[in-house]
Amino acid sequence: MPNRPPDFEAEVRFLTREEGGRTGEWRPPRQGYRCDIHWDDDASDLLWMIWPMFLDEHGQELPKGAEVPQVSRAHFYIINAELRDTVHQAWLRIGAGFHLCEGARRVAAGRVTTIFTHATA
């Protein structure tokens, strides 16, 4: 986990296999899961590294290795500070939609619910 506050919080729903989500026998990801993000409003096909930390029902980050519910909330950490300022700020706003990707496969849909103040500074 990064040694700093998260950049934003979002609601996340992992897609089922029937919806085109994770392949094989559907298994929930576990805390520590790494994926890429694609902003829905971005017309390009670019993916960006992101670090999600999924939350329990009390808003606390799940322990490492814990199963992630199919529908959950998560803190998101933008890995590269320069890209946070030059790329992500163009898309990062309350209500912004995004997809989490494993390679080219979209495996989860999300919506930004909170932006932490340091992310816009």
PDB file of N, CA and C in Angstrom:
ATOM      1  N   MET A   1       0.847  -1.178   0.000  1.00  0.00           N
ATOM      2  CA  MET A   1       0.000   0.000   0.000  1.00  0.00           C
ATOM      3  C   MET A   1       0.889   1.236   0.000  1.00  0.00           C
ATOM      4  N   PRO A   2       0.553   2.227  -0.822  1.00  0.00           N
ATOM      5  CA  PRO A   2       1.345   3.456  -0.836  1.00  0.00           C
ATOM      6  C   PRO A   2       1.352   4.111   0.538  1.00  0.00           C
ATOM      7  N   ASN A   3       2.449   4.785   0.821  1.00  0.00           N
ATOM      8  CA  ASN A   3       2.599   5.449   2.103  1.00  0.00           C
ATOM      9  C   ASN A   3       2.119   6.898   1.999  1.00  0.00           C
ATOM     10  N   ARG A   4       0.869   7.067   1.585  1.00  0.00           N
ATOM     11  CA  ARG A   4       0.261   8.389   1.449  1.00  0.00           C
ATOM     12  C   ARG A   4      -1.247   8.218   1.370  1.00  0.00           C
ATOM     13  N   PRO A   5      -2.005   9.304   1.486  1.00  0.00           N
ATOM     14  CA  PRO A   5      -3.467   9.194   1.391  1.00  0.00           C
ATOM     15  C   PRO A   5      -3.898   8.794  -0.029  1.00  0.00           C
ATOM     16  N   PRO A   6      -5.076   8.201  -0.158  1.00  0.00           N
ATOM     17  CA  PRO A   6      -5.581   7.848  -1.488  1.00  0.00           C
ATOM     18  C   PRO A   6      -5.926   9.097  -2.291  1.00  0.00           C
ATOM     19  N   ASP A   7      -6.004   8.928  -3.605  1.00  0.00           N
ATOM     20  CA  ASP A   7      -6.377  10.034  -4.488  1.00  0.00           C
ATOM     21  C   ASP A   7      -7.886  10.188  -4.600  1.00  0.00           C
ATOM     22  N   PHE A   8      -8.600   9.041  -4.656  1.00  0.00           N
ATOM     23  CA  PHE A   8     -10.055   9.115  -4.735  1.00  0.00           C
ATOM     24  C   PHE A   8     -10.668   7.824  -4.223  1.00  0.00           C
ATOM     25  N   GLU A   9     -11.989   7.889  -3.991  1.00  0.00           N
ATOM     26  CA  GLU A   9     -12.760   6.721  -3.591  1.00  0.00           C
ATOM     27  C   GLU A   9     -13.823   6.497  -4.650  1.00  0.00           C
ATOM     28  N   ALA A  10     -14.173   5.232  -4.870  1.00  0.00           N
ATOM     29  CA  ALA A  10     -15.161   4.916  -5.890  1.00  0.00           C
ATOM     30  C   ALA A  10     -15.948   3.669  -5.514  1.00  0.00           C
ATOM     31  N   GLU A  11     -17.134   3.566  -6.094  1.00  0.00           N
ATOM     32  CA  GLU A  11     -17.919   2.341  -6.055  1.00  0.00           C
ATOM     33  C   GLU A  11     -17.444   1.480  -7.212  1.00  0.00           C
ATOM     34  N   VAL A  12     -17.306   0.181  -6.979  1.00  0.00           N
ATOM     35  CA  VAL A  12     -16.795  -0.742  -7.996  1.00  0.00           C
ATOM     36  C   VAL A  12     -17.688  -1.970  -8.040  1.00  0.00           C
ATOM     37  N   ARG A  13     -17.982  -2.434  -9.255  1.00  0.00           N
ATOM     38  CA  ARG A  13     -18.709  -3.695  -9.437  1.00  0.00           C
ATOM     39  C   ARG A  13     -17.946  -4.547 -10.433  1.00  0.00           C
ATOM     40  N   PHE A  14     -17.501  -5.705  -9.977  1.00  0.00           N
ATOM     41  CA  PHE A  14     -16.820  -6.630 -10.877  1.00  0.00           C
ATOM     42  C   PHE A  14     -17.848  -7.290 -11.777  1.00  0.00           C
ATOM     43  N   LEU A  15     -17.543  -7.352 -13.068  1.00  0.00           N
ATOM     44  CA  LEU A  15     -18.435  -7.957 -14.041  1.00  0.00           C
ATOM     45  C   LEU A  15     -18.403  -9.478 -13.899  1.00  0.00           C
ATOM     46  N   THR A  16     -19.530 -10.102 -14.184  1.00  0.00           N
ATOM     47  CA  THR A  16     -19.573 -11.560 -14.206  1.00  0.00           C
ATOM     48  C   THR A  16     -18.933 -12.055 -15.495  1.00  0.00           C
ATOM     49  N   ARG A  17     -18.651 -13.331 -15.547  1.00  0.00           N
ATOM     50  CA  ARG A  17     -18.101 -13.922 -16.775  1.00  0.00           C
ATOM     51  C   ARG A  17     -19.072 -13.705 -17.930  1.00  0.00           C
ATOM     52  N   GLU A  18     -20.380 -13.821 -17.662  1.00  0.00           N
ATOM     53  CA  GLU A  18     -21.394 -13.634 -18.709  1.00  0.00           C
ATOM     54  C   GLU A  18     -21.401 -12.200 -19.238  1.00  0.00           C
ATOM     55  N   GLU A  19     -20.984 -11.263 -18.416  1.00  0.00           N
ATOM     56  CA  GLU A  19     -20.914  -9.857 -18.834  1.00  0.00           C
ATOM     57  C   GLU A  19     -19.590  -9.525 -19.510  1.00  0.00           C
ATOM     58  N   GLY A  20     -18.718 -10.525 -19.652  1.00  0.00           N
ATOM     59  CA  GLY A  20     -17.424 -10.304 -20.279  1.00  0.00           C
ATOM     60  C   GLY A  20     -16.312 -10.039 -19.290  1.00  0.00           C
ATOM     61  N   GLY A  21     -16.564 -10.266 -18.002  1.00  0.00           N
ATOM     62  CA  GLY A  21     -15.581 -10.005 -16.959  1.00  0.00           C
ATOM     63  C   GLY A  21     -14.488 -11.050 -16.905  1.00  0.00           C
ATOM     64  N   ARG A  22     -14.047 -11.351 -15.709  1.00  0.00           N
ATOM     65  CA  ARG A  22     -12.937 -12.285 -15.510  1.00  0.00           C
ATOM     66  C   ARG A  22     -13.263 -13.627 -16.148  1.00  0.00           C
ATOM     67  N   THR A  23     -12.259 -14.245 -16.758  1.00  0.00           N
ATOM     68  CA  THR A  23     -12.468 -15.506 -17.468  1.00  0.00           C
ATOM     69  C   THR A  23     -12.285 -16.692 -16.535  1.00  0.00           C
ATOM     70  N   GLY A  24     -12.646 -17.863 -17.049  1.00  0.00           N
ATOM     71  CA  GLY A  24     -12.530 -19.079 -16.253  1.00  0.00           C
ATOM     72  C   GLY A  24     -13.588 -19.093 -15.166  1.00  0.00           C
ATOM     73  N   GLU A  25     -13.376 -19.919 -14.156  1.00  0.00           N
ATOM     74  CA  GLU A  25     -14.302 -19.954 -13.033  1.00  0.00           C
ATOM     75  C   GLU A  25     -14.164 -18.640 -12.282  1.00  0.00           C
ATOM     76  N   TRP A  26     -15.275 -17.919 -12.114  1.00  0.00           N
ATOM     77  CA  TRP A  26     -15.193 -16.604 -11.487  1.00  0.00           C
ATOM     78  C   TRP A  26     -14.744 -16.754 -10.050  1.00  0.00           C
ATOM     79  N   ARG A  27     -13.691 -16.081  -9.754  1.00  0.00           N
ATOM     80  CA  ARG A  27     -13.185 -16.017  -8.377  1.00  0.00           C
ATOM     81  C   ARG A  27     -13.011 -14.552  -8.031  1.00  0.00           C
ATOM     82  N   PRO A  28     -13.373 -14.187  -6.821  1.00  0.00           N
ATOM     83  CA  PRO A  28     -13.195 -12.782  -6.458  1.00  0.00           C
ATOM     84  C   PRO A  28     -11.717 -12.446  -6.354  1.00  0.00           C
ATOM     85  N   PRO A  29     -11.355 -11.234  -6.747  1.00  0.00           N
ATOM     86  CA  PRO A  29      -9.975 -10.815  -6.504  1.00  0.00           C
ATOM     87  C   PRO A  29      -9.744 -10.714  -5.002  1.00  0.00           C
ATOM     88  N   ARG A  30      -8.504 -10.610  -4.620  1.00  0.00           N
ATOM     89  CA  ARG A  30      -8.139 -10.467  -3.212  1.00  0.00           C
ATOM     90  C   ARG A  30      -7.448  -9.121  -3.024  1.00  0.00           C
ATOM     91  N   GLN A  31      -7.562  -8.602  -1.801  1.00  0.00           N
ATOM     92  CA  GLN A  31      -6.900  -7.336  -1.496  1.00  0.00           C
ATOM     93  C   GLN A  31      -5.421  -7.459  -1.852  1.00  0.00           C
ATOM     94  N   GLY A  32      -4.913  -6.475  -2.541  1.00  0.00           N
ATOM     95  CA  GLY A  32      -3.558  -6.510  -3.080  1.00  0.00           C
ATOM     96  C   GLY A  32      -3.595  -6.652  -4.595  1.00  0.00           C
ATOM     97  N   TYR A  33      -4.810  -6.833  -5.135  1.00  0.00           N
ATOM     98  CA  TYR A  33      -5.069  -6.968  -6.568  1.00  0.00           C
ATOM     99  C   TYR A  33      -4.577  -5.720  -7.298  1.00  0.00           C
ATOM    100  N   ARG A  34      -3.887  -5.903  -8.393  1.00  0.00           N
ATOM    101  CA  ARG A  34      -3.407  -4.793  -9.211  1.00  0.00           C
ATOM    102  C   ARG A  34      -4.060  -4.869 -10.583  1.00  0.00           C
ATOM    103  N   CYS A  35      -4.443  -3.733 -11.087  1.00  0.00           N
ATOM    104  CA  CYS A  35      -5.125  -3.674 -12.371  1.00  0.00           C
ATOM    105  C   CYS A  35      -4.795  -2.335 -13.024  1.00  0.00           C
ATOM    106  N   ASP A  36      -5.371  -2.126 -14.183  1.00  0.00           N
ATOM    107  CA  ASP A  36      -5.247  -0.863 -14.886  1.00  0.00           C
ATOM    108  C   ASP A  36      -6.625  -0.201 -14.911  1.00  0.00           C
ATOM    109  N   ILE A  37      -6.623   1.105 -15.171  1.00  0.00           N
ATOM    110  CA  ILE A  37      -7.872   1.861 -15.249  1.00  0.00           C
ATOM    111  C   ILE A  37      -7.987   2.501 -16.628  1.00  0.00           C
ATOM    112  N   HIS A  38      -9.222   2.575 -17.110  1.00  0.00           N
ATOM    113  CA  HIS A  38      -9.533   3.332 -18.327  1.00  0.00           C
ATOM    114  C   HIS A  38     -10.729   4.213 -17.992  1.00  0.00           C
ATOM    115  N   TRP A  39     -10.565   5.516 -18.187  1.00  0.00           N
ATOM    116  CA  TRP A  39     -11.649   6.466 -17.913  1.00  0.00           C
ATOM    117  C   TRP A  39     -12.671   6.399 -19.038  1.00  0.00           C
ATOM    118  N   ASP A  40     -13.957   6.294 -18.719  1.00  0.00           N
ATOM    119  CA  ASP A  40     -15.012   6.148 -19.725  1.00  0.00           C
ATOM    120  C   ASP A  40     -15.052   7.317 -20.704  1.00  0.00           C
ATOM    121  N   ASP A  41     -14.748   8.532 -20.241  1.00  0.00           N
ATOM    122  CA  ASP A  41     -14.808   9.705 -21.122  1.00  0.00           C
ATOM    123  C   ASP A  41     -13.582   9.850 -22.017  1.00  0.00           C
ATOM    124  N   ASP A  42     -12.589   9.001 -21.833  1.00  0.00           N
ATOM    125  CA  ASP A  42     -11.364   9.060 -22.630  1.00  0.00           C
ATOM    126  C   ASP A  42     -11.573   8.235 -23.900  1.00  0.00           C
ATOM    127  N   ALA A  43     -11.545   8.902 -25.046  1.00  0.00           N
ATOM    128  CA  ALA A  43     -11.792   8.230 -26.326  1.00  0.00           C
ATOM    129  C   ALA A  43     -10.635   7.330 -26.758  1.00  0.00           C
ATOM    130  N   SER A  44      -9.489   7.465 -26.130  1.00  0.00           N
ATOM    131  CA  SER A  44      -8.349   6.623 -26.499  1.00  0.00           C
ATOM    132  C   SER A  44      -8.548   5.223 -25.917  1.00  0.00           C
ATOM    133  N   ASP A  45      -7.631   4.335 -26.242  1.00  0.00           N
ATOM    134  CA  ASP A  45      -7.677   2.998 -25.654  1.00  0.00           C
ATOM    135  C   ASP A  45      -6.565   2.825 -24.612  1.00  0.00           C
ATOM    136  N   LEU A  46      -6.074   3.957 -24.082  1.00  0.00           N
ATOM    137  CA  LEU A  46      -4.978   3.910 -23.118  1.00  0.00           C
ATOM    138  C   LEU A  46      -5.438   3.391 -21.762  1.00  0.00           C
ATOM    139  N   LEU A  47      -4.569   2.603 -21.150  1.00  0.00           N
ATOM    140  CA  LEU A  47      -4.789   2.091 -19.805  1.00  0.00           C
ATOM    141  C   LEU A  47      -3.709   2.658 -18.900  1.00  0.00           C
ATOM    142  N   TRP A  48      -4.068   2.882 -17.633  1.00  0.00           N
ATOM    143  CA  TRP A  48      -3.145   3.474 -16.680  1.00  0.00           C
ATOM    144  C   TRP A  48      -3.060   2.593 -15.442  1.00  0.00           C
ATOM    145  N   MET A  49      -1.845   2.450 -14.891  1.00  0.00           N
ATOM    146  CA  MET A  49      -1.673   1.677 -13.668  1.00  0.00           C
ATOM    147  C   MET A  49      -2.358   2.393 -12.511  1.00  0.00           C
ATOM    148  N   ILE A  50      -3.022   1.610 -11.683  1.00  0.00           N
ATOM    149  CA  ILE A  50      -3.738   2.151 -10.528  1.00  0.00           C
ATOM    150  C   ILE A  50      -3.604   1.154  -9.383  1.00  0.00           C
ATOM    151  N   TRP A  51      -3.730   1.612  -8.177  1.00  0.00           N
ATOM    152  CA  TRP A  51      -3.586   0.763  -7.005  1.00  0.00           C
ATOM    153  C   TRP A  51      -4.865   0.864  -6.186  1.00  0.00           C
ATOM    154  N   PRO A  52      -5.817  -0.071  -6.358  1.00  0.00           N
ATOM    155  CA  PRO A  52      -7.032  -0.026  -5.541  1.00  0.00           C
ATOM    156  C   PRO A  52      -6.823  -0.726  -4.199  1.00  0.00           C
ATOM    157  N   MET A  53      -7.404  -0.174  -3.170  1.00  0.00           N
ATOM    158  CA  MET A  53      -7.449  -0.822  -1.855  1.00  0.00           C
ATOM    159  C   MET A  53      -8.926  -0.862  -1.474  1.00  0.00           C
ATOM    160  N   PHE A  54      -9.498  -2.053  -1.502  1.00  0.00           N
ATOM    161  CA  PHE A  54     -10.926  -2.228  -1.296  1.00  0.00           C
ATOM    162  C   PHE A  54     -11.284  -2.075   0.184  1.00  0.00           C
ATOM    163  N   LEU A  55     -12.517  -1.606   0.421  1.00  0.00           N
ATOM    164  CA  LEU A  55     -12.958  -1.232   1.758  1.00  0.00           C
ATOM    165  C   LEU A  55     -14.007  -2.201   2.301  1.00  0.00           C
ATOM    166  N   ASP A  56     -14.041  -2.330   3.628  1.00  0.00           N
ATOM    167  CA  ASP A  56     -15.094  -3.116   4.264  1.00  0.00           C
ATOM    168  C   ASP A  56     -16.326  -2.230   4.461  1.00  0.00           C
ATOM    169  N   GLU A  57     -17.361  -2.772   5.095  1.00  0.00           N
ATOM    170  CA  GLU A  57     -18.614  -2.034   5.273  1.00  0.00           C
ATOM    171  C   GLU A  57     -18.470  -0.821   6.188  1.00  0.00           C
ATOM    172  N   HIS A  58     -17.354  -0.721   6.920  1.00  0.00           N
ATOM    173  CA  HIS A  58     -17.110   0.417   7.808  1.00  0.00           C
ATOM    174  C   HIS A  58     -16.172   1.453   7.183  1.00  0.00           C
ATOM    175  N   GLY A  59     -15.788   1.241   5.927  1.00  0.00           N
ATOM    176  CA  GLY A  59     -14.908   2.183   5.240  1.00  0.00           C
ATOM    177  C   GLY A  59     -13.433   1.991   5.528  1.00  0.00           C
ATOM    178  N   GLN A  60     -13.072   0.873   6.156  1.00  0.00           N
ATOM    179  CA  GLN A  60     -11.670   0.561   6.439  1.00  0.00           C
ATOM    180  C   GLN A  60     -11.128  -0.332   5.326  1.00  0.00           C
ATOM    181  N   GLU A  61      -9.874  -0.135   4.975  1.00  0.00           N
ATOM    182  CA  GLU A  61      -9.275  -0.972   3.939  1.00  0.00           C
ATOM    183  C   GLU A  61      -9.196  -2.413   4.431  1.00  0.00           C
ATOM    184  N   LEU A  62      -9.606  -3.342   3.554  1.00  0.00           N
ATOM    185  CA  LEU A  62      -9.554  -4.771   3.878  1.00  0.00           C
ATOM    186  C   LEU A  62      -8.110  -5.189   4.113  1.00  0.00           C
ATOM    187  N   PRO A  63      -7.892  -6.221   4.931  1.00  0.00           N
ATOM    188  CA  PRO A  63      -6.523  -6.720   5.119  1.00  0.00           C
ATOM    189  C   PRO A  63      -6.008  -7.379   3.848  1.00  0.00           C
ATOM    190  N   LYS A  64      -4.704  -7.371   3.674  1.00  0.00           N
ATOM    191  CA  LYS A  64      -4.079  -7.996   2.508  1.00  0.00           C
ATOM    192  C   LYS A  64      -4.517  -9.449   2.404  1.00  0.00           C
ATOM    193  N   GLY A  65      -4.913  -9.866   1.199  1.00  0.00           N
ATOM    194  CA  GLY A  65      -5.320 -11.236   0.944  1.00  0.00           C
ATOM    195  C   GLY A  65      -6.795 -11.503   1.152  1.00  0.00           C
ATOM    196  N   ALA A  66      -7.547 -10.555   1.734  1.00  0.00           N
ATOM    197  CA  ALA A  66      -8.982 -10.747   1.949  1.00  0.00           C
ATOM    198  C   ALA A  66      -9.715 -10.756   0.611  1.00  0.00           C
ATOM    199  N   GLU A  67     -10.792 -11.567   0.508  1.00  0.00           N
ATOM    200  CA  GLU A  67     -11.612 -11.574  -0.705  1.00  0.00           C
ATOM    201  C   GLU A  67     -12.292 -10.226  -0.873  1.00  0.00           C
ATOM    202  N   VAL A  68     -12.353  -9.766  -2.107  1.00  0.00           N
ATOM    203  CA  VAL A  68     -13.015  -8.511  -2.439  1.00  0.00           C
ATOM    204  C   VAL A  68     -14.436  -8.837  -2.887  1.00  0.00           C
ATOM    205  N   PRO A  69     -15.466  -8.223  -2.281  1.00  0.00           N
ATOM    206  CA  PRO A  69     -16.842  -8.468  -2.723  1.00  0.00           C
ATOM    207  C   PRO A  69     -17.034  -8.035  -4.173  1.00  0.00           C
ATOM    208  N   GLN A  70     -17.997  -8.654  -4.858  1.00  0.00           N
ATOM    209  CA  GLN A  70     -18.260  -8.302  -6.254  1.00  0.00           C
ATOM    210  C   GLN A  70     -18.652  -6.836  -6.383  1.00  0.00           C
ATOM    211  N   VAL A  71     -19.385  -6.327  -5.411  1.00  0.00           N
ATOM    212  CA  VAL A  71     -19.739  -4.903  -5.374  1.00  0.00           C
ATOM    213  C   VAL A  71     -19.107  -4.341  -4.106  1.00  0.00           C
ATOM    214  N   SER A  72     -18.302  -3.312  -4.268  1.00  0.00           N
ATOM    215  CA  SER A  72     -17.603  -2.761  -3.109  1.00  0.00           C
ATOM    216  C   SER A  72     -17.221  -1.312  -3.352  1.00  0.00           C
ATOM    217  N   ARG A  73     -16.611  -0.733  -2.348  1.00  0.00           N
ATOM    218  CA  ARG A  73     -16.005   0.590  -2.469  1.00  0.00           C
ATOM    219  C   ARG A  73     -14.505   0.393  -2.345  1.00  0.00           C
ATOM    220  N   ALA A  74     -13.756   1.343  -2.881  1.00  0.00           N
ATOM    221  CA  ALA A  74     -12.301   1.227  -2.816  1.00  0.00           C
ATOM    222  C   ALA A  74     -11.669   2.602  -2.796  1.00  0.00           C
ATOM    223  N   HIS A  75     -10.540   2.676  -2.118  1.00  0.00           N
ATOM    224  CA  HIS A  75      -9.638   3.819  -2.239  1.00  0.00           C
ATOM    225  C   HIS A  75      -8.751   3.527  -3.436  1.00  0.00           C
ATOM    226  N   PHE A  76      -8.460   4.546  -4.218  1.00  0.00           N
ATOM    227  CA  PHE A  76      -7.586   4.387  -5.382  1.00  0.00           C
ATOM    228  C   PHE A  76      -6.379   5.295  -5.245  1.00  0.00           C
ATOM    229  N   TYR A  77      -5.235   4.727  -5.536  1.00  0.00           N
ATOM    230  CA  TYR A  77      -3.963   5.435  -5.490  1.00  0.00           C
ATOM    231  C   TYR A  77      -3.422   5.496  -6.911  1.00  0.00           C
ATOM    232  N   ILE A  78      -3.214   6.698  -7.414  1.00  0.00           N
ATOM    233  CA  ILE A  78      -2.602   6.866  -8.739  1.00  0.00           C
ATOM    234  C   ILE A  78      -1.106   6.689  -8.546  1.00  0.00           C
ATOM    235  N   ILE A  79      -0.530   5.748  -9.270  1.00  0.00           N
ATOM    236  CA  ILE A  79       0.848   5.321  -9.055  1.00  0.00           C
ATOM    237  C   ILE A  79       1.861   6.427  -9.346  1.00  0.00           C
ATOM    238  N   ASN A  80       1.701   7.116 -10.465  1.00  0.00           N
ATOM    239  CA  ASN A  80       2.695   8.071 -10.921  1.00  0.00           C
ATOM    240  C   ASN A  80       2.202   9.496 -10.669  1.00  0.00           C
ATOM    241  N   ALA A  81       2.906  10.232  -9.816  1.00  0.00           N
ATOM    242  CA  ALA A  81       2.490  11.592  -9.447  1.00  0.00           C
ATOM    243  C   ALA A  81       2.424  12.517 -10.665  1.00  0.00           C
ATOM    244  N   GLU A  82       3.359  12.399 -11.576  1.00  0.00           N
ATOM    245  CA  GLU A  82       3.343  13.250 -12.770  1.00  0.00           C
ATOM    246  C   GLU A  82       2.092  12.976 -13.603  1.00  0.00           C
ATOM    247  N   LEU A  83       1.735  11.692 -13.777  1.00  0.00           N
ATOM    248  CA  LEU A  83       0.530  11.354 -14.536  1.00  0.00           C
ATOM    249  C   LEU A  83      -0.737  11.777 -13.795  1.00  0.00           C
ATOM    250  N   ARG A  84      -0.692  11.772 -12.471  1.00  0.00           N
ATOM    251  CA  ARG A  84      -1.836  12.251 -11.692  1.00  0.00           C
ATOM    252  C   ARG A  84      -2.137  13.690 -12.091  1.00  0.00           C
ATOM    253  N   ASP A  85      -1.090  14.493 -12.249  1.00  0.00           N
ATOM    254  CA  ASP A  85      -1.265  15.907 -12.561  1.00  0.00           C
ATOM    255  C   ASP A  85      -1.495  16.172 -14.042  1.00  0.00           C
ATOM    256  N   THR A  86      -0.907  15.356 -14.933  1.00  0.00           N
ATOM    257  CA  THR A  86      -0.985  15.644 -16.363  1.00  0.00           C
ATOM    258  C   THR A  86      -2.049  14.851 -17.098  1.00  0.00           C
ATOM    259  N   VAL A  87      -2.437  13.694 -16.609  1.00  0.00           N
ATOM    260  CA  VAL A  87      -3.407  12.841 -17.306  1.00  0.00           C
ATOM    261  C   VAL A  87      -4.703  12.701 -16.521  1.00  0.00           C
ATOM    262  N   HIS A  88      -4.603  12.177 -15.320  1.00  0.00           N
ATOM    263  CA  HIS A  88      -5.803  11.811 -14.572  1.00  0.00           C
ATOM    264  C   HIS A  88      -6.667  13.011 -14.205  1.00  0.00           C
ATOM    265  N   GLN A  89      -6.073  14.179 -13.989  1.00  0.00           N
ATOM    266  CA  GLN A  89      -6.868  15.350 -13.633  1.00  0.00           C
ATOM    267  C   GLN A  89      -7.887  15.699 -14.716  1.00  0.00           C
ATOM    268  N   ALA A  90      -7.618  15.327 -15.964  1.00  0.00           N
ATOM    269  CA  ALA A  90      -8.560  15.602 -17.044  1.00  0.00           C
ATOM    270  C   ALA A  90      -9.851  14.799 -16.883  1.00  0.00           C
ATOM    271  N   TRP A  91      -9.785  13.656 -16.215  1.00  0.00           N
ATOM    272  CA  TRP A  91     -10.940  12.758 -16.109  1.00  0.00           C
ATOM    273  C   TRP A  91     -11.479  12.636 -14.694  1.00  0.00           C
ATOM    274  N   LEU A  92     -10.676  12.962 -13.702  1.00  0.00           N
ATOM    275  CA  LEU A  92     -11.025  12.722 -12.314  1.00  0.00           C
ATOM    276  C   LEU A  92     -11.989  13.787 -11.793  1.00  0.00           C
ATOM    277  N   ARG A  93     -13.241  13.369 -11.553  1.00  0.00           N
ATOM    278  CA  ARG A  93     -14.274  14.242 -10.997  1.00  0.00           C
ATOM    279  C   ARG A  93     -15.330  13.353 -10.345  1.00  0.00           C
ATOM    280  N   ILE A  94     -16.105  13.906  -9.443  1.00  0.00           N
ATOM    281  CA  ILE A  94     -17.196  13.159  -8.813  1.00  0.00           C
ATOM    282  C   ILE A  94     -18.142  12.691  -9.921  1.00  0.00           C
ATOM    283  N   GLY A  95     -18.486  11.430  -9.897  1.00  0.00           N
ATOM    284  CA  GLY A  95     -19.395  10.860 -10.895  1.00  0.00           C
ATOM    285  C   GLY A  95     -18.703  10.293 -12.115  1.00  0.00           C
ATOM    286  N   ALA A  96     -17.401  10.523 -12.267  1.00  0.00           N
ATOM    287  CA  ALA A  96     -16.684  10.003 -13.438  1.00  0.00           C
ATOM    288  C   ALA A  96     -16.738   8.480 -13.441  1.00  0.00           C
ATOM    289  N   GLY A  97     -17.023   7.917 -14.598  1.00  0.00           N
ATOM    290  CA  GLY A  97     -17.061   6.469 -14.755  1.00  0.00           C
ATOM    291  C   GLY A  97     -15.732   5.949 -15.267  1.00  0.00           C
ATOM    292  N   PHE A  98     -15.442   4.710 -14.925  1.00  0.00           N
ATOM    293  CA  PHE A  98     -14.212   4.078 -15.389  1.00  0.00           C
ATOM    294  C   PHE A  98     -14.398   2.573 -15.394  1.00  0.00           C
ATOM    295  N   HIS A  99     -13.462   1.909 -16.025  1.00  0.00           N
ATOM    296  CA  HIS A  99     -13.406   0.448 -16.010  1.00  0.00           C
ATOM    297  C   HIS A  99     -12.052   0.022 -15.479  1.00  0.00           C
ATOM    298  N   LEU A 100     -12.046  -1.064 -14.728  1.00  0.00           N
ATOM    299  CA  LEU A 100     -10.794  -1.711 -14.350  1.00  0.00           C
ATOM    300  C   LEU A 100     -10.528  -2.801 -15.362  1.00  0.00           C
ATOM    301  N   CYS A 101      -9.282  -2.923 -15.748  1.00  0.00           N
ATOM    302  CA  CYS A 101      -8.911  -3.857 -16.813  1.00  0.00           C
ATOM    303  C   CYS A 101      -7.804  -4.795 -16.362  1.00  0.00           C
ATOM    304  N   GLU A 102      -7.893  -6.020 -16.858  1.00  0.00           N
ATOM    305  CA  GLU A 102      -6.814  -7.000 -16.748  1.00  0.00           C
ATOM    306  C   GLU A 102      -6.361  -7.224 -18.180  1.00  0.00           C
ATOM    307  N   GLY A 103      -5.238  -6.649 -18.541  1.00  0.00           N
ATOM    308  CA  GLY A 103      -4.847  -6.634 -19.943  1.00  0.00           C
ATOM    309  C   GLY A 103      -5.884  -5.808 -20.687  1.00  0.00           C
ATOM    310  N   ALA A 104      -6.363  -6.302 -21.818  1.00  0.00           N
ATOM    311  CA  ALA A 104      -7.364  -5.571 -22.589  1.00  0.00           C
ATOM    312  C   ALA A 104      -8.792  -5.869 -22.119  1.00  0.00           C
ATOM    313  N   ARG A 105      -8.975  -6.800 -21.199  1.00  0.00           N
ATOM    314  CA  ARG A 105     -10.310  -7.209 -20.743  1.00  0.00           C
ATOM    315  C   ARG A 105     -10.821  -6.293 -19.641  1.00  0.00           C
ATOM    316  N   ARG A 106     -12.025  -5.745 -19.850  1.00  0.00           N
ATOM    317  CA  ARG A 106     -12.681  -4.946 -18.821  1.00  0.00           C
ATOM    318  C   ARG A 106     -13.310  -5.911 -17.822  1.00  0.00           C
ATOM    319  N   VAL A 107     -12.917  -5.781 -16.567  1.00  0.00           N
ATOM    320  CA  VAL A 107     -13.388  -6.735 -15.557  1.00  0.00           C
ATOM    321  C   VAL A 107     -14.256  -6.096 -14.480  1.00  0.00           C
ATOM    322  N   ALA A 108     -14.281  -4.775 -14.399  1.00  0.00           N
ATOM    323  CA  ALA A 108     -15.091  -4.100 -13.390  1.00  0.00           C
ATOM    324  C   ALA A 108     -15.449  -2.706 -13.880  1.00  0.00           C
ATOM    325  N   ALA A 109     -16.605  -2.233 -13.425  1.00  0.00           N
ATOM    326  CA  ALA A 109     -17.043  -0.872 -13.721  1.00  0.00           C
ATOM    327  C   ALA A 109     -17.041  -0.086 -12.419  1.00  0.00           C
ATOM    328  N   GLY A 110     -16.696   1.190 -12.505  1.00  0.00           N
ATOM    329  CA  GLY A 110     -16.646   2.007 -11.303  1.00  0.00           C
ATOM    330  C   GLY A 110     -17.128   3.412 -11.534  1.00  0.00           C
ATOM    331  N   ARG A 111     -17.408   4.097 -10.421  1.00  0.00           N
ATOM    332  CA  ARG A 111     -17.823   5.495 -10.459  1.00  0.00           C
ATOM    333  C   ARG A 111     -17.201   6.203  -9.267  1.00  0.00           C
ATOM    334  N   VAL A 112     -16.550   7.336  -9.538  1.00  0.00           N
ATOM    335  CA  VAL A 112     -15.886   8.123  -8.496  1.00  0.00           C
ATOM    336  C   VAL A 112     -16.934   8.747  -7.580  1.00  0.00           C
ATOM    337  N   THR A 113     -16.751   8.559  -6.270  1.00  0.00           N
ATOM    338  CA  THR A 113     -17.676   9.126  -5.286  1.00  0.00           C
ATOM    339  C   THR A 113     -17.044  10.233  -4.450  1.00  0.00           C
ATOM    340  N   THR A 114     -15.729  10.179  -4.284  1.00  0.00           N
ATOM    341  CA  THR A 114     -15.026  11.169  -3.465  1.00  0.00           C
ATOM    342  C   THR A 114     -13.664  11.450  -4.080  1.00  0.00           C
ATOM    343  N   ILE A 115     -13.292  12.712  -4.114  1.00  0.00           N
ATOM    344  CA  ILE A 115     -11.932  13.092  -4.494  1.00  0.00           C
ATOM    345  C   ILE A 115     -11.300  13.708  -3.254  1.00  0.00           C
ATOM    346  N   PHE A 116     -10.159  13.210  -2.874  1.00  0.00           N
ATOM    347  CA  PHE A 116      -9.489  13.737  -1.691  1.00  0.00           C
ATOM    348  C   PHE A 116      -8.737  14.997  -2.081  1.00  0.00           C
ATOM    349  N   THR A 117      -8.750  16.005  -1.239  1.00  0.00           N
ATOM    350  CA  THR A 117      -8.280  17.352  -1.584  1.00  0.00           C
ATOM    351  C   THR A 117      -6.848  17.382  -2.098  1.00  0.00           C
ATOM    352  N   HIS A 118      -5.978  16.545  -1.588  1.00  0.00           N
ATOM    353  CA  HIS A 118      -4.600  16.581  -2.081  1.00  0.00           C
ATOM    354  C   HIS A 118      -4.511  16.177  -3.540  1.00  0.00           C
ATOM    355  N   ALA A 119      -5.520  15.452  -4.069  1.00  0.00           N
ATOM    356  CA  ALA A 119      -5.490  14.989  -5.456  1.00  0.00           C
ATOM    357  C   ALA A 119      -5.724  16.129  -6.428  1.00  0.00           C
ATOM    358  N   THR A 120      -6.315  17.215  -5.976  1.00  0.00           N
ATOM    359  CA  THR A 120      -6.588  18.330  -6.881  1.00  0.00           C
ATOM    360  C   THR A 120      -5.625  19.486  -6.666  1.00  0.00           C
ATOM    361  N   ALA A 121      -4.707  19.334  -5.723  1.00  0.00           N
ATOM    362  CA  ALA A 121      -3.762  20.417  -5.419  1.00  0.00           C
ATOM    363  C   ALA A 121      -2.669  20.499  -6.456  1.00  0.00           C
TER     364      ALA A 121
END
